[in-house]
Amino acid sequence: MNQNLYFKTNEFGSAKELASYVHTELQKLNFAPKDPIDSDYMFSIEIEIDGVKLDIYLGKNDEETDIPLWQIWPEQRVSFLKRIFGKVDKSAEIRAKSGLESIISNIRGVIDVEWGI
């Protein structure tokens, strides 16, 4: 089960602003991000690390908080059968998580940064 990186910040007024910021930061990490895709309730950004394609999902959490609660997580593209029967190399996903944690931790005024379900 994937874990989400949760964090609170007033820095962004919308998921689109967060997606734009994360996209720019992913470029700096040479993760070759594609343009963010709006899925109404969430954005996704396709990246590639060492030839492995991953999707970064991000958006505002529905939970009511004084400071907006946001979430972001990477998901490696792996076929269903390989998930069940194969051994999946998670090194690209681990690198993506590390990069995302660094990106989020560097946002001005961000608090309560933690991985969770």
N, C-alpha and C. Protein backbone atom coordinates (compact mmCIF):
# COMPACT_ATOMS: atom_id res chain seq x y z
N MET A 1 0.84 -1.18 0.00
CA MET A 1 0.00 0.00 0.00
C MET A 1 0.89 1.25 0.00
N ASN A 2 0.58 2.18 -0.87
CA ASN A 2 1.35 3.40 -0.96
C ASN A 2 1.09 4.33 0.21
N GLN A 3 2.13 5.01 0.62
CA GLN A 3 1.99 6.03 1.65
C GLN A 3 1.98 7.39 0.98
N ASN A 4 1.22 8.30 1.57
CA ASN A 4 1.16 9.68 1.09
C ASN A 4 2.05 10.54 1.97
N LEU A 5 2.63 11.57 1.38
CA LEU A 5 3.36 12.57 2.15
C LEU A 5 2.37 13.69 2.43
N TYR A 6 2.03 13.85 3.70
CA TYR A 6 1.08 14.89 4.11
C TYR A 6 1.87 16.08 4.64
N PHE A 7 1.33 17.29 4.39
CA PHE A 7 1.97 18.50 4.90
C PHE A 7 0.95 19.62 4.94
N LYS A 8 1.23 20.61 5.77
CA LYS A 8 0.35 21.77 5.88
C LYS A 8 1.12 23.01 5.47
N THR A 9 0.45 23.86 4.67
CA THR A 9 1.02 25.13 4.27
C THR A 9 -0.06 26.05 3.72
N ASN A 10 0.15 27.34 3.91
CA ASN A 10 -0.71 28.37 3.31
C ASN A 10 -0.11 28.90 2.02
N GLU A 11 0.99 28.32 1.59
CA GLU A 11 1.76 28.83 0.45
C GLU A 11 1.02 28.74 -0.88
N PHE A 12 0.07 27.80 -1.01
CA PHE A 12 -0.61 27.58 -2.28
C PHE A 12 -2.11 27.83 -2.13
N GLY A 13 -2.68 28.48 -3.12
CA GLY A 13 -4.11 28.75 -3.11
C GLY A 13 -4.93 27.68 -3.80
N SER A 14 -4.24 26.82 -4.55
CA SER A 14 -4.95 25.77 -5.29
C SER A 14 -4.00 24.61 -5.58
N ALA A 15 -4.60 23.48 -5.95
CA ALA A 15 -3.80 22.32 -6.33
C ALA A 15 -2.99 22.63 -7.59
N LYS A 16 -3.52 23.48 -8.45
CA LYS A 16 -2.80 23.86 -9.67
C LYS A 16 -1.50 24.59 -9.33
N GLU A 17 -1.56 25.48 -8.34
CA GLU A 17 -0.34 26.19 -7.92
C GLU A 17 0.68 25.22 -7.34
N LEU A 18 0.22 24.27 -6.53
CA LEU A 18 1.12 23.26 -5.97
C LEU A 18 1.73 22.43 -7.08
N ALA A 19 0.92 21.99 -8.03
CA ALA A 19 1.40 21.17 -9.14
C ALA A 19 2.45 21.91 -9.96
N SER A 20 2.23 23.18 -10.20
CA SER A 20 3.20 23.98 -10.95
C SER A 20 4.53 24.08 -10.20
N TYR A 21 4.44 24.32 -8.90
CA TYR A 21 5.65 24.40 -8.07
C TYR A 21 6.41 23.07 -8.08
N VAL A 22 5.70 21.98 -7.83
CA VAL A 22 6.34 20.66 -7.79
C VAL A 22 6.94 20.32 -9.15
N HIS A 23 6.25 20.64 -10.22
CA HIS A 23 6.76 20.39 -11.58
C HIS A 23 8.11 21.08 -11.78
N THR A 24 8.20 22.34 -11.40
CA THR A 24 9.44 23.10 -11.53
C THR A 24 10.56 22.46 -10.71
N GLU A 25 10.24 22.04 -9.50
CA GLU A 25 11.25 21.44 -8.63
C GLU A 25 11.68 20.06 -9.15
N LEU A 26 10.77 19.30 -9.73
CA LEU A 26 11.12 18.01 -10.31
C LEU A 26 12.06 18.18 -11.50
N GLN A 27 11.89 19.26 -12.25
CA GLN A 27 12.80 19.56 -13.36
C GLN A 27 14.21 19.78 -12.83
N LYS A 28 14.32 20.49 -11.71
CA LYS A 28 15.64 20.75 -11.12
C LYS A 28 16.33 19.46 -10.68
N LEU A 29 15.53 18.44 -10.34
CA LEU A 29 16.09 17.15 -9.93
C LEU A 29 16.34 16.22 -11.12
N ASN A 30 16.10 16.71 -12.33
CA ASN A 30 16.30 15.95 -13.57
C ASN A 30 15.44 14.68 -13.62
N PHE A 31 14.19 14.78 -13.13
CA PHE A 31 13.26 13.67 -13.18
C PHE A 31 12.40 13.70 -14.44
N ALA A 32 12.72 14.57 -15.39
CA ALA A 32 12.03 14.66 -16.68
C ALA A 32 10.51 14.69 -16.54
N PRO A 33 9.95 15.64 -15.76
CA PRO A 33 8.50 15.65 -15.57
C PRO A 33 7.74 16.12 -16.81
N LYS A 34 6.60 15.48 -17.06
CA LYS A 34 5.67 15.95 -18.08
C LYS A 34 4.82 17.05 -17.45
N ASP A 35 4.08 17.78 -18.26
CA ASP A 35 3.20 18.82 -17.73
C ASP A 35 2.15 18.21 -16.80
N PRO A 36 1.80 18.93 -15.73
CA PRO A 36 0.77 18.43 -14.81
C PRO A 36 -0.57 18.23 -15.52
N ILE A 37 -1.28 17.17 -15.12
CA ILE A 37 -2.60 16.85 -15.67
C ILE A 37 -3.63 17.05 -14.57
N ASP A 38 -4.67 17.83 -14.87
CA ASP A 38 -5.73 18.11 -13.92
C ASP A 38 -6.82 17.05 -14.04
N SER A 39 -7.08 16.36 -12.93
CA SER A 39 -8.15 15.35 -12.89
C SER A 39 -9.31 15.84 -12.04
N ASP A 40 -9.54 17.12 -12.02
CA ASP A 40 -10.58 17.80 -11.25
C ASP A 40 -10.29 17.81 -9.75
N TYR A 41 -10.13 16.67 -9.14
CA TYR A 41 -9.93 16.61 -7.69
C TYR A 41 -8.45 16.50 -7.32
N MET A 42 -7.60 16.21 -8.30
CA MET A 42 -6.19 15.98 -8.04
C MET A 42 -5.39 16.21 -9.33
N PHE A 43 -4.12 16.48 -9.17
CA PHE A 43 -3.22 16.61 -10.31
C PHE A 43 -2.28 15.42 -10.34
N SER A 44 -1.77 15.10 -11.51
CA SER A 44 -0.74 14.07 -11.62
C SER A 44 0.36 14.59 -12.55
N ILE A 45 1.57 14.14 -12.26
CA ILE A 45 2.73 14.51 -13.06
C ILE A 45 3.51 13.23 -13.34
N GLU A 46 3.72 12.94 -14.61
CA GLU A 46 4.51 11.77 -14.99
C GLU A 46 5.98 12.13 -14.94
N ILE A 47 6.78 11.27 -14.32
CA ILE A 47 8.23 11.46 -14.29
C ILE A 47 8.91 10.18 -14.73
N GLU A 48 10.20 10.27 -14.98
CA GLU A 48 10.98 9.10 -15.32
C GLU A 48 12.30 9.15 -14.57
N ILE A 49 12.61 8.04 -13.88
CA ILE A 49 13.86 7.92 -13.14
C ILE A 49 14.53 6.63 -13.60
N ASP A 50 15.71 6.76 -14.17
CA ASP A 50 16.47 5.59 -14.64
C ASP A 50 15.63 4.69 -15.55
N GLY A 51 14.85 5.29 -16.43
CA GLY A 51 14.03 4.55 -17.39
C GLY A 51 12.73 4.00 -16.83
N VAL A 52 12.45 4.26 -15.56
CA VAL A 52 11.22 3.79 -14.92
C VAL A 52 10.22 4.93 -14.85
N LYS A 53 9.01 4.71 -15.36
CA LYS A 53 7.97 5.74 -15.33
C LYS A 53 7.19 5.65 -14.03
N LEU A 54 6.98 6.83 -13.44
CA LEU A 54 6.19 6.93 -12.22
C LEU A 54 5.20 8.07 -12.40
N ASP A 55 4.13 8.02 -11.63
CA ASP A 55 3.17 9.10 -11.59
C ASP A 55 3.21 9.71 -10.20
N ILE A 56 3.28 11.03 -10.15
CA ILE A 56 3.22 11.76 -8.90
C ILE A 56 1.80 12.31 -8.80
N TYR A 57 1.09 11.95 -7.73
CA TYR A 57 -0.26 12.45 -7.50
C TYR A 57 -0.21 13.47 -6.38
N LEU A 58 -0.94 14.57 -6.54
CA LEU A 58 -0.91 15.60 -5.51
C LEU A 58 -2.19 16.42 -5.52
N GLY A 59 -2.50 16.95 -4.35
CA GLY A 59 -3.67 17.80 -4.24
C GLY A 59 -3.96 18.14 -2.80
N LYS A 60 -5.04 18.88 -2.62
CA LYS A 60 -5.46 19.30 -1.29
C LYS A 60 -6.32 18.21 -0.68
N ASN A 61 -6.07 17.92 0.58
CA ASN A 61 -6.85 16.93 1.31
C ASN A 61 -8.19 17.53 1.68
N ASP A 62 -9.23 16.70 1.76
CA ASP A 62 -10.58 17.18 2.09
C ASP A 62 -10.76 17.51 3.57
N GLU A 63 -9.83 17.06 4.39
CA GLU A 63 -9.94 17.29 5.82
C GLU A 63 -9.91 18.79 6.14
N GLU A 64 -10.85 19.23 6.97
CA GLU A 64 -10.91 20.64 7.38
C GLU A 64 -9.84 20.93 8.42
N THR A 65 -8.92 21.82 8.11
CA THR A 65 -7.86 22.22 9.03
C THR A 65 -7.68 23.73 8.92
N ASP A 66 -7.12 24.35 9.97
CA ASP A 66 -6.86 25.80 9.95
C ASP A 66 -5.89 26.16 8.83
N ILE A 67 -4.82 25.39 8.73
CA ILE A 67 -3.86 25.55 7.65
C ILE A 67 -4.16 24.40 6.67
N PRO A 68 -4.28 24.70 5.37
CA PRO A 68 -4.63 23.63 4.42
C PRO A 68 -3.70 22.42 4.49
N LEU A 69 -4.31 21.24 4.45
CA LEU A 69 -3.58 19.98 4.45
C LEU A 69 -3.47 19.49 3.01
N TRP A 70 -2.26 19.20 2.59
CA TRP A 70 -1.99 18.75 1.23
C TRP A 70 -1.41 17.34 1.28
N GLN A 71 -1.46 16.64 0.16
CA GLN A 71 -0.86 15.31 0.08
C GLN A 71 -0.24 15.11 -1.29
N ILE A 72 0.81 14.30 -1.30
CA ILE A 72 1.52 13.99 -2.54
C ILE A 72 2.14 12.60 -2.39
N TRP A 73 2.17 11.84 -3.49
CA TRP A 73 2.81 10.53 -3.43
C TRP A 73 3.17 10.06 -4.83
N PRO A 74 4.26 9.27 -4.92
CA PRO A 74 4.63 8.67 -6.20
C PRO A 74 4.06 7.27 -6.32
N GLU A 75 3.77 6.88 -7.53
CA GLU A 75 3.29 5.52 -7.78
C GLU A 75 3.98 5.00 -9.03
N GLN A 76 4.71 3.93 -8.87
CA GLN A 76 5.43 3.33 -9.98
C GLN A 76 4.46 2.55 -10.86
N ARG A 77 4.65 2.64 -12.16
CA ARG A 77 3.79 1.90 -13.09
C ARG A 77 4.27 0.45 -13.17
N VAL A 78 3.47 -0.43 -12.60
CA VAL A 78 3.79 -1.86 -12.59
C VAL A 78 2.53 -2.61 -12.97
N SER A 79 2.67 -3.57 -13.87
CA SER A 79 1.50 -4.35 -14.28
C SER A 79 0.94 -5.15 -13.11
N PHE A 80 -0.34 -5.43 -13.19
CA PHE A 80 -1.02 -6.17 -12.14
C PHE A 80 -0.37 -7.53 -11.89
N LEU A 81 -0.07 -8.25 -12.97
CA LEU A 81 0.52 -9.59 -12.82
C LEU A 81 1.91 -9.52 -12.19
N LYS A 82 2.67 -8.50 -12.55
CA LYS A 82 4.00 -8.37 -11.96
C LYS A 82 3.90 -8.04 -10.47
N ARG A 83 2.89 -7.26 -10.11
CA ARG A 83 2.68 -6.96 -8.68
C ARG A 83 2.41 -8.23 -7.89
N ILE A 84 1.65 -9.15 -8.50
CA ILE A 84 1.28 -10.38 -7.80
C ILE A 84 2.39 -11.43 -7.84
N PHE A 85 2.96 -11.65 -9.03
CA PHE A 85 3.88 -12.76 -9.20
C PHE A 85 5.36 -12.38 -9.29
N GLY A 86 5.64 -11.13 -9.57
CA GLY A 86 7.02 -10.73 -9.79
C GLY A 86 7.60 -9.96 -8.63
N LYS A 87 8.87 -9.77 -8.73
CA LYS A 87 9.56 -8.96 -7.73
C LYS A 87 9.79 -7.58 -8.37
N VAL A 88 9.19 -6.56 -7.78
CA VAL A 88 9.25 -5.22 -8.34
C VAL A 88 10.41 -4.46 -7.72
N ASP A 89 11.26 -3.89 -8.57
CA ASP A 89 12.37 -3.06 -8.11
C ASP A 89 11.81 -1.69 -7.74
N LYS A 90 11.86 -1.34 -6.48
CA LYS A 90 11.28 -0.10 -5.98
C LYS A 90 12.31 1.03 -5.85
N SER A 91 13.51 0.87 -6.40
CA SER A 91 14.55 1.89 -6.22
C SER A 91 14.15 3.24 -6.83
N ALA A 92 13.49 3.24 -7.97
CA ALA A 92 13.06 4.51 -8.58
C ALA A 92 12.00 5.19 -7.70
N GLU A 93 11.09 4.39 -7.15
CA GLU A 93 10.06 4.94 -6.28
C GLU A 93 10.67 5.51 -4.99
N ILE A 94 11.67 4.83 -4.46
CA ILE A 94 12.36 5.32 -3.27
C ILE A 94 13.06 6.64 -3.56
N ARG A 95 13.70 6.76 -4.73
CA ARG A 95 14.33 8.03 -5.12
C ARG A 95 13.30 9.13 -5.28
N ALA A 96 12.15 8.79 -5.86
CA ALA A 96 11.08 9.78 -6.03
C ALA A 96 10.58 10.26 -4.68
N LYS A 97 10.39 9.34 -3.74
CA LYS A 97 9.93 9.72 -2.40
C LYS A 97 10.93 10.65 -1.72
N SER A 98 12.20 10.34 -1.85
CA SER A 98 13.24 11.18 -1.26
C SER A 98 13.23 12.57 -1.88
N GLY A 99 13.10 12.63 -3.20
CA GLY A 99 13.03 13.91 -3.89
C GLY A 99 11.82 14.72 -3.47
N LEU A 100 10.67 14.07 -3.36
CA LEU A 100 9.44 14.75 -2.96
C LEU A 100 9.55 15.28 -1.53
N GLU A 101 10.13 14.48 -0.66
CA GLU A 101 10.29 14.92 0.72
C GLU A 101 11.18 16.17 0.79
N SER A 102 12.22 16.19 0.00
CA SER A 102 13.11 17.36 -0.05
C SER A 102 12.37 18.58 -0.61
N ILE A 103 11.63 18.39 -1.69
CA ILE A 103 10.87 19.48 -2.31
C ILE A 103 9.88 20.07 -1.31
N ILE A 104 9.12 19.22 -0.66
CA ILE A 104 8.08 19.69 0.26
C ILE A 104 8.69 20.33 1.50
N SER A 105 9.76 19.76 2.01
CA SER A 105 10.40 20.31 3.20
C SER A 105 10.97 21.70 2.98
N ASN A 106 11.26 22.05 1.72
CA ASN A 106 11.83 23.36 1.41
C ASN A 106 10.79 24.44 1.12
N ILE A 107 9.50 24.10 1.23
CA ILE A 107 8.46 25.11 1.03
C ILE A 107 8.43 26.02 2.25
N ARG A 108 8.40 27.30 2.00
CA ARG A 108 8.39 28.28 3.09
C ARG A 108 7.14 28.07 3.96
N GLY A 109 7.36 27.97 5.26
CA GLY A 109 6.25 27.87 6.21
C GLY A 109 5.55 26.53 6.27
N VAL A 110 6.12 25.50 5.65
CA VAL A 110 5.47 24.18 5.69
C VAL A 110 5.64 23.57 7.09
N ILE A 111 4.58 22.89 7.56
CA ILE A 111 4.65 22.22 8.86
C ILE A 111 4.03 20.84 8.74
N ASP A 112 4.26 20.04 9.76
CA ASP A 112 3.64 18.70 9.87
C ASP A 112 3.88 17.84 8.64
N VAL A 113 5.12 17.76 8.19
CA VAL A 113 5.50 16.93 7.04
C VAL A 113 5.70 15.51 7.52
N GLU A 114 4.87 14.57 7.03
CA GLU A 114 5.04 13.17 7.43
C GLU A 114 4.37 12.22 6.44
N TRP A 115 4.96 11.02 6.33
CA TRP A 115 4.39 9.97 5.49
C TRP A 115 3.33 9.23 6.28
N GLY A 116 2.23 8.90 5.64
CA GLY A 116 1.18 8.14 6.29
C GLY A 116 0.21 7.56 5.28
N ILE A 117 -0.69 6.73 5.77
CA ILE A 117 -1.69 6.08 4.91
C ILE A 117 -2.95 6.90 4.89
